[in-house]
């Protein structure tokens, strides 16, 4: 009889990087012979707490994945019901995503119910333990969540260190696997034509949700650098605002850089992701602070050299002058880094990108989860 894996976390019909990750991980376990199901949220955030336009995908459900939409993050009766259901299901492995302390009461209660079966092993993939934007209750909620978990996986050293403030349970660190579920790269000119972008311009890409810690304002300020202007470099911003865009609009106006920008600030559907990555010359991650970034493995998959700032785990993932450039999180340094990317050229980075991306296998993650659960890895 096949062993059972339950993944608890965002998945379709929710959208975003966490959902894409959970769906891809489910496919990995299914390919390894596990009976796999994702338990996702019928209500993830109350509407007034969600910073974007909608939490829900407009894409069709992913093929070949069993997804049960049932968790209500703010209804304690639902937590007990879901936990009791999973306790009776007796999965061999329960893999839980933890990215926000707000989810601590819900997920912690579900896990306590599951543990009563004295059988299932509960392994958490911790994306963030101390959140980027702090709120009252963060510490209490996280302490409540970690107590029933058997072991943890992190994808950055920072999260590993943060986790040590809450628990001494087993922890293993892996690199964030490649986002290889968005299709293959397409020719740059084909991608630009698909997106209605100029064919011959120099274009760098900022990709993903726009939040303060991601440093888009630093990048916008870098775009006013005279050498950047003279080089004719344009910035493509592809991602939805998760905060008030007014300050960004005011900054763009004040800097006089509107002609250098291509703003696509609606949510980018999964089916369009490959065109944005393929259309760019380089991917820029000007973060103020970071744990890890889902944009990095995305850039690896599409073999795009990167600029990252020297914060959190980003420099560990992007060896300087091999797969990209590492700079300080300051506009002048970011501008210099972008110019350096063009000076070196895309082709200079490709051999290193192709070698480095071999580390980003989904089987490394699934093997690590199994090891923490006390199961033998595949031979």
Protein backbone atom coordinates (compact mmCIF):
# COMPACT_ATOMS: atom_id res chain seq x y z
CA UNK A 1 0.00 0.00 0.00
CA UNK A 2 1.32 3.44 -0.93
CA UNK A 3 2.36 5.71 1.89
CA UNK A 4 0.36 8.89 2.36
CA UNK A 5 1.63 12.48 2.32
CA UNK A 6 -0.54 15.45 3.25
CA UNK A 7 0.74 18.94 2.46
CA UNK A 8 -0.94 21.71 4.47
CA UNK A 9 -0.58 25.12 2.88
CA UNK A 10 -1.70 27.42 0.05
CA UNK A 11 -2.67 25.80 -3.25
CA UNK A 12 -5.17 26.34 -6.05
CA UNK A 13 -7.61 28.12 -6.13
CA UNK A 14 -5.28 30.39 -4.16
CA UNK A 15 -2.51 31.96 -6.18
CA UNK A 16 1.09 33.04 -5.67
CA UNK A 17 4.50 31.56 -5.02
CA UNK A 18 3.55 29.47 -1.97
CA UNK A 19 0.72 27.83 -3.91
CA UNK A 20 3.01 27.09 -6.87
CA UNK A 21 5.61 25.62 -4.51
CA UNK A 22 3.13 23.35 -2.72
CA UNK A 23 1.68 22.10 -5.99
CA UNK A 24 5.14 21.31 -7.35
CA UNK A 25 6.12 19.52 -4.14
CA UNK A 26 2.94 17.44 -4.35
CA UNK A 27 3.93 16.37 -7.86
CA UNK A 28 7.36 15.37 -6.56
CA UNK A 29 5.93 13.13 -3.84
CA UNK A 30 3.38 11.65 -6.25
CA UNK A 31 6.18 10.86 -8.72
CA UNK A 32 7.97 9.02 -5.91
CA UNK A 33 4.97 6.78 -5.32
CA UNK A 34 3.21 8.52 -2.45
CA UNK A 35 -0.53 8.98 -2.25
CA UNK A 36 -0.49 12.76 -2.03
CA UNK A 37 -3.09 15.40 -1.18
CA UNK A 38 -2.89 19.11 -0.41
CA UNK A 39 -5.17 20.52 2.29
CA UNK A 40 -5.52 24.19 1.44
CA UNK A 41 -7.57 27.15 2.61
CA UNK A 42 -11.19 27.90 1.90
CA UNK A 43 -10.40 31.16 3.72
CA UNK A 44 -6.74 32.07 3.99
CA UNK A 45 -6.97 35.74 4.99
CA UNK A 46 -9.99 37.87 5.79
CA UNK A 47 -10.39 40.33 2.92
CA UNK A 48 -9.38 43.36 4.98
CA UNK A 49 -6.01 41.75 5.82
CA UNK A 50 -5.13 40.84 2.22
CA UNK A 51 -2.98 43.54 0.55
CA UNK A 52 -3.53 42.56 -3.10
CA UNK A 53 -6.55 42.68 -5.38
CA UNK A 54 -7.62 39.06 -4.98
CA UNK A 55 -6.36 35.91 -3.30
CA UNK A 56 -7.69 33.65 -6.03
CA UNK A 57 -6.23 32.36 -9.28
CA UNK A 58 -7.83 32.82 -12.68
CA UNK A 59 -5.91 29.79 -13.99
CA UNK A 60 -7.44 26.31 -14.27
CA UNK A 61 -6.76 23.81 -11.52
CA UNK A 62 -3.36 22.10 -11.89
CA UNK A 63 -3.68 18.70 -13.50
CA UNK A 64 -2.84 15.55 -11.60
CA UNK A 65 -2.92 17.00 -8.08
CA UNK A 66 -5.51 16.16 -5.43
CA UNK A 67 -6.37 19.40 -3.60
CA UNK A 68 -8.90 19.59 -0.77
CA UNK A 69 -10.13 23.14 -0.12
CA UNK A 70 -11.24 23.08 3.50
CA UNK A 71 -9.19 25.11 6.03
CA UNK A 72 -10.65 28.31 7.47
CA UNK A 73 -7.82 30.24 9.10
CA UNK A 74 -10.09 32.17 11.51
CA UNK A 75 -12.64 29.53 12.54
CA UNK A 76 -11.51 27.39 15.51
CA UNK A 77 -14.33 24.88 14.97
CA UNK A 78 -12.92 24.27 11.50
CA UNK A 79 -9.43 23.74 12.92
CA UNK A 80 -10.67 20.96 15.19
CA UNK A 81 -12.70 19.38 12.40
CA UNK A 82 -9.79 19.41 9.96
CA UNK A 83 -7.33 18.17 12.55
CA UNK A 84 -9.61 15.33 13.60
CA UNK A 85 -10.13 14.32 9.96
CA UNK A 86 -6.38 14.16 9.39
CA UNK A 87 -5.85 12.31 12.67
CA UNK A 88 -8.19 9.59 11.40
CA UNK A 89 -6.61 9.61 7.92
CA UNK A 90 -3.25 8.72 9.51
CA UNK A 91 -0.91 10.03 6.80
CA UNK A 92 2.67 8.87 7.11
CA UNK A 93 3.93 12.41 6.50
CA UNK A 94 2.34 15.79 7.07
CA UNK A 95 4.29 18.66 5.50
CA UNK A 96 3.21 22.08 6.79
CA UNK A 97 4.15 25.46 5.33
CA UNK A 98 4.75 28.22 7.89
CA UNK A 99 5.21 31.70 6.50
CA UNK A 100 3.27 34.03 8.78
CA UNK A 101 2.60 33.99 12.55
CA UNK A 102 -1.04 34.88 11.86
CA UNK A 103 -1.41 31.23 10.78
CA UNK A 104 0.04 29.91 14.05
CA UNK A 105 -3.22 29.37 15.97
CA UNK A 106 -4.94 27.64 13.04
CA UNK A 107 -2.06 25.39 11.99
CA UNK A 108 -0.88 24.73 15.54
CA UNK A 109 -4.35 23.50 16.55
CA UNK A 110 -4.68 21.26 13.48
CA UNK A 111 -1.27 19.70 14.20
CA UNK A 112 -2.12 19.04 17.84
CA UNK A 113 -5.18 17.07 16.72
CA UNK A 114 -3.15 15.07 14.19
CA UNK A 115 -0.49 14.17 16.75
CA UNK A 116 -3.08 12.35 18.81
CA UNK A 117 -2.89 9.46 16.34
CA UNK A 118 0.70 8.84 17.56
CA UNK A 119 1.63 7.87 14.00
CA UNK A 120 1.95 10.78 11.58
CA UNK A 121 5.27 12.63 11.38
CA UNK A 122 4.86 16.41 11.19
CA UNK A 123 7.55 18.24 9.22
CA UNK A 124 7.40 22.01 8.75
CA UNK A 125 8.87 23.95 5.85
CA UNK A 126 9.54 27.30 7.53
CA UNK A 127 9.66 30.19 5.07
CA UNK A 128 9.68 32.87 7.74
CA UNK A 129 9.64 32.59 11.51
CA UNK A 130 10.11 36.26 12.33
CA UNK A 131 8.02 38.13 9.73
CA UNK A 132 9.17 41.03 7.58
CA UNK A 133 6.36 43.22 8.95
CA UNK A 134 5.92 42.65 12.68
CA UNK A 135 2.50 42.54 14.37
CA UNK A 136 1.26 42.03 17.94
CA UNK A 137 1.06 38.35 18.84
CA UNK A 138 3.81 37.17 16.44
CA UNK A 139 5.95 35.55 19.14
CA UNK A 140 3.06 33.90 20.98
CA UNK A 141 1.53 32.52 17.77
CA UNK A 142 4.85 31.09 16.56
CA UNK A 143 5.60 29.44 19.89
CA UNK A 144 2.17 27.83 19.78
CA UNK A 145 2.76 26.58 16.25
CA UNK A 146 6.22 25.03 16.70
CA UNK A 147 5.32 22.94 19.76
CA UNK A 148 3.61 19.98 17.98
CA UNK A 149 6.01 19.90 14.98
CA UNK A 150 8.54 17.05 14.93
CA UNK A 151 11.21 18.69 12.73
CA UNK A 152 11.82 21.63 10.40
CA UNK A 153 13.20 22.45 6.96
CA UNK A 154 14.47 25.94 6.24
CA UNK A 155 15.70 27.46 2.98
CA UNK A 156 18.01 30.09 4.47
CA UNK A 157 20.47 30.42 7.31
CA UNK A 158 18.57 33.42 8.67
CA UNK A 159 15.36 31.42 9.15
CA UNK A 160 17.38 28.62 10.71
CA UNK A 161 18.82 31.06 13.26
CA UNK A 162 15.42 32.64 13.89
CA UNK A 163 13.92 29.21 14.46
CA UNK A 164 16.54 28.48 17.15
CA UNK A 165 14.91 31.23 19.24
CA UNK A 166 11.75 29.12 19.45
CA UNK A 167 12.81 25.46 19.44
CA UNK A 168 15.74 23.05 19.61
CA UNK A 169 14.02 20.38 17.50
CA UNK A 170 15.85 18.95 14.45
CA UNK A 171 16.33 21.40 11.57
CA UNK A 172 17.85 20.90 8.12
CA UNK A 173 18.58 23.61 5.58
CA UNK A 174 18.14 23.13 1.83
CA UNK A 175 18.21 25.49 -1.12
CA UNK A 176 14.86 26.61 -2.53
CA UNK A 177 14.16 24.20 -5.42
CA UNK A 178 13.78 25.43 -8.98
CA UNK A 179 10.40 26.77 -10.02
CA UNK A 180 10.32 24.51 -13.06
CA UNK A 181 6.53 24.35 -13.25
CA UNK A 182 6.10 27.49 -15.37
CA UNK A 183 7.23 25.88 -18.60
CA UNK A 184 10.47 26.27 -20.49
CA UNK A 185 12.19 29.47 -21.58
CA UNK A 186 11.31 30.95 -24.95
CA UNK A 187 13.44 33.00 -27.31
CA UNK A 188 13.92 36.54 -25.98
CA UNK A 189 12.47 38.21 -29.08
CA UNK A 190 9.46 35.89 -29.09
CA UNK A 191 8.84 36.69 -25.41
CA UNK A 192 9.10 40.42 -26.01
CA UNK A 193 6.72 40.23 -28.92
CA UNK A 194 4.26 38.25 -26.75
CA UNK A 195 4.39 40.96 -24.07
CA UNK A 196 4.47 43.92 -26.45
CA UNK A 197 7.95 44.98 -25.34
CA UNK A 198 10.56 46.72 -27.50
CA UNK A 199 12.72 44.20 -29.32
CA UNK A 200 16.13 45.84 -29.06
CA UNK A 201 16.04 47.73 -25.75
CA UNK A 202 18.17 46.84 -22.76
CA UNK A 203 15.62 45.60 -20.20
CA UNK A 204 16.14 44.50 -16.60
CA UNK A 205 13.35 42.86 -14.59
CA UNK A 206 11.97 43.35 -11.09
CA UNK A 207 9.56 40.45 -10.57
CA UNK A 208 7.08 39.61 -7.82
CA UNK A 209 4.81 41.20 -5.25
CA UNK A 210 5.83 44.76 -4.39
CA UNK A 211 6.46 45.17 -0.66
CA UNK A 212 8.70 47.57 1.22
CA UNK A 213 11.35 45.01 2.17
CA UNK A 214 11.92 44.11 -1.49
CA UNK A 215 13.52 47.50 -2.13
CA UNK A 216 11.84 48.55 -5.37
CA UNK A 217 12.27 52.18 -4.28
CA UNK A 218 16.05 51.61 -4.13
CA UNK A 219 15.98 50.26 -7.67
CA UNK A 220 13.84 53.14 -8.92
CA UNK A 221 16.32 55.58 -7.41
CA UNK A 222 19.16 53.70 -9.10
CA UNK A 223 17.42 54.19 -12.45
CA UNK A 224 18.04 57.95 -12.29
CA UNK A 225 21.81 57.38 -12.32
CA UNK A 226 23.23 59.29 -15.32
CA UNK A 227 25.19 56.26 -16.53
CA UNK A 228 22.03 54.10 -16.42
CA UNK A 229 20.16 56.73 -18.44
CA UNK A 230 23.02 57.06 -20.93
CA UNK A 231 23.15 53.29 -21.39
CA UNK A 232 19.45 53.29 -22.34
CA UNK A 233 18.53 50.68 -19.75
CA UNK A 234 14.84 50.21 -19.04
CA UNK A 235 13.27 48.62 -15.96
CA UNK A 236 10.35 46.23 -16.36
CA UNK A 237 8.38 45.99 -13.09
CA UNK A 238 6.18 42.88 -13.21
CA UNK A 239 4.14 42.29 -10.09
CA UNK A 240 1.25 43.47 -8.00
CA UNK A 241 1.46 46.17 -5.34
CA UNK A 242 1.01 44.70 -1.86
CA UNK A 243 1.05 48.17 -0.33
CA UNK A 244 -0.04 51.67 -1.28
CA UNK A 245 1.47 52.48 -4.66
CA UNK A 246 1.14 56.23 -4.13
CA UNK A 247 4.63 56.65 -2.69
CA UNK A 248 6.09 54.78 -5.67
CA UNK A 249 4.21 56.95 -8.16
CA UNK A 250 5.41 60.05 -6.34
CA UNK A 251 9.00 58.78 -6.36
CA UNK A 252 8.84 58.04 -10.09
CA UNK A 253 7.52 61.53 -10.75
CA UNK A 254 10.11 63.18 -8.52
CA UNK A 255 13.00 61.28 -10.14
CA UNK A 256 11.71 61.89 -13.67
CA UNK A 257 12.29 58.27 -14.68
CA UNK A 258 8.87 57.38 -16.15
CA UNK A 259 10.29 57.02 -19.72
CA UNK A 260 12.75 54.40 -18.40
CA UNK A 261 10.03 52.22 -16.85
CA UNK A 262 7.66 49.56 -18.14
CA UNK A 263 5.07 48.96 -15.43
CA UNK A 264 3.04 45.74 -15.49
CA UNK A 265 1.71 45.97 -11.96
CA UNK A 266 -1.22 43.61 -12.15
CA UNK A 267 -0.85 40.06 -10.89
CA UNK A 268 1.20 37.99 -13.34
CA UNK A 269 -0.64 34.77 -14.21
CA UNK A 270 1.33 31.53 -14.08
CA UNK A 271 0.94 31.09 -17.84
CA UNK A 272 2.73 34.42 -18.43
CA UNK A 273 5.65 33.99 -16.03
CA UNK A 274 7.98 32.40 -18.59
CA UNK A 275 7.51 35.28 -21.00
CA UNK A 276 8.56 37.89 -18.43
CA UNK A 277 11.65 35.96 -17.37
CA UNK A 278 12.57 35.13 -20.96
CA UNK A 279 12.14 38.74 -22.11
CA UNK A 280 14.60 40.22 -19.61
CA UNK A 281 18.34 40.57 -19.90
CA UNK A 282 18.85 40.34 -16.14
CA UNK A 283 16.76 39.88 -12.98
CA UNK A 284 17.24 42.49 -10.22
CA UNK A 285 16.50 41.75 -6.55
CA UNK A 286 17.24 44.98 -4.62
CA UNK A 287 15.99 43.71 -1.25
CA UNK A 288 16.40 45.70 1.96
CA UNK A 289 16.21 42.48 3.98
CA UNK A 290 15.51 38.89 3.06
CA UNK A 291 15.36 35.31 4.23
CA UNK A 292 15.32 33.55 0.89
CA UNK A 293 13.63 34.53 -2.36
CA UNK A 294 11.44 32.51 -4.69
CA UNK A 295 12.61 34.77 -7.53
CA UNK A 296 16.14 33.35 -7.33
CA UNK A 297 15.21 29.73 -8.23
CA UNK A 298 12.87 31.15 -10.88
CA UNK A 299 15.79 33.02 -12.44
CA UNK A 300 17.92 29.88 -12.23
CA UNK A 301 15.31 27.86 -14.08
CA UNK A 302 15.17 30.40 -16.91
CA UNK A 303 18.97 30.83 -16.77
CA UNK A 304 18.87 34.57 -16.15
CA UNK A 305 21.83 36.25 -14.43
CA UNK A 306 20.85 38.19 -11.33
CA UNK A 307 21.74 41.18 -9.25
CA UNK A 308 21.03 40.65 -5.56
CA UNK A 309 21.77 42.79 -2.55
CA UNK A 310 24.01 41.65 0.27
CA UNK A 311 21.22 40.82 2.72
CA UNK A 312 19.91 37.62 4.31
CA UNK A 313 20.54 34.45 2.38
CA UNK A 314 20.64 36.05 -1.08
CA UNK A 315 24.46 36.22 -1.53
CA UNK A 316 24.75 32.54 -0.63
CA UNK A 317 22.46 31.65 -3.53
CA UNK A 318 24.05 33.95 -6.13
CA UNK A 319 27.85 33.55 -6.26
CA UNK A 320 29.27 36.97 -7.12
CA UNK A 321 30.51 37.39 -10.71
CA UNK A 322 29.59 33.77 -11.48
CA UNK A 323 25.79 33.72 -11.71
CA UNK A 324 25.30 37.41 -11.07
CA UNK A 325 26.41 40.43 -9.10
CA UNK A 326 26.11 41.06 -5.36
CA UNK A 327 25.87 44.72 -4.25
CA UNK A 328 25.05 46.67 -1.13
CA UNK A 329 21.36 47.70 -0.78
CA UNK A 330 22.01 51.27 -1.87
CA UNK A 331 20.91 52.97 -5.12
CA UNK A 332 24.44 53.91 -6.26
CA UNK A 333 25.71 50.36 -5.69
CA UNK A 334 22.69 48.87 -7.45
CA UNK A 335 23.21 51.16 -10.45
CA UNK A 336 26.89 50.18 -10.62
CA UNK A 337 25.91 46.52 -10.39
CA UNK A 338 23.45 46.78 -13.29
CA UNK A 339 26.10 48.44 -15.45
CA UNK A 340 28.56 45.69 -14.46
CA UNK A 341 26.07 43.02 -15.58
CA UNK A 342 25.89 44.59 -19.03
CA UNK A 343 29.66 45.03 -19.14
CA UNK A 344 30.17 41.31 -18.49
CA UNK A 345 27.24 40.24 -20.71
CA UNK A 346 24.66 37.48 -20.40
CA UNK A 347 26.81 34.79 -22.01
CA UNK A 348 29.53 35.25 -19.41
CA UNK A 349 27.23 33.86 -16.69
CA UNK A 350 25.53 30.98 -18.50
CA UNK A 351 28.04 28.16 -17.79
CA UNK A 352 27.98 28.96 -14.06
CA UNK A 353 24.19 29.28 -14.01
CA UNK A 354 23.79 25.86 -15.61
CA UNK A 355 26.20 24.25 -13.17
CA UNK A 356 24.81 25.97 -10.07
CA UNK A 357 21.17 25.16 -10.86
CA UNK A 358 21.90 21.43 -10.48
CA UNK A 359 21.77 21.98 -6.71
CA UNK A 360 18.13 23.08 -6.91
CA UNK A 361 16.46 19.70 -7.25
CA UNK A 362 13.03 18.90 -5.78
CA UNK A 363 14.30 15.44 -4.87
CA UNK A 364 16.79 17.07 -2.45
CA UNK A 365 13.85 18.62 -0.61
CA UNK A 366 11.74 15.45 -0.56
CA UNK A 367 14.74 13.39 0.59
CA UNK A 368 15.39 15.88 3.40
CA UNK A 369 11.77 15.73 4.55
CA UNK A 370 11.91 11.93 4.57
CA UNK A 371 15.16 11.93 6.50
CA UNK A 372 13.74 14.23 9.16
CA UNK A 373 10.69 11.95 9.41
CA UNK A 374 12.93 8.93 9.97
CA UNK A 375 12.15 7.32 6.63
CA UNK A 376 14.79 5.83 4.33
CA UNK A 377 15.58 7.90 1.27
CA UNK A 378 15.24 6.57 -2.26
CA UNK A 379 18.20 4.61 -3.60
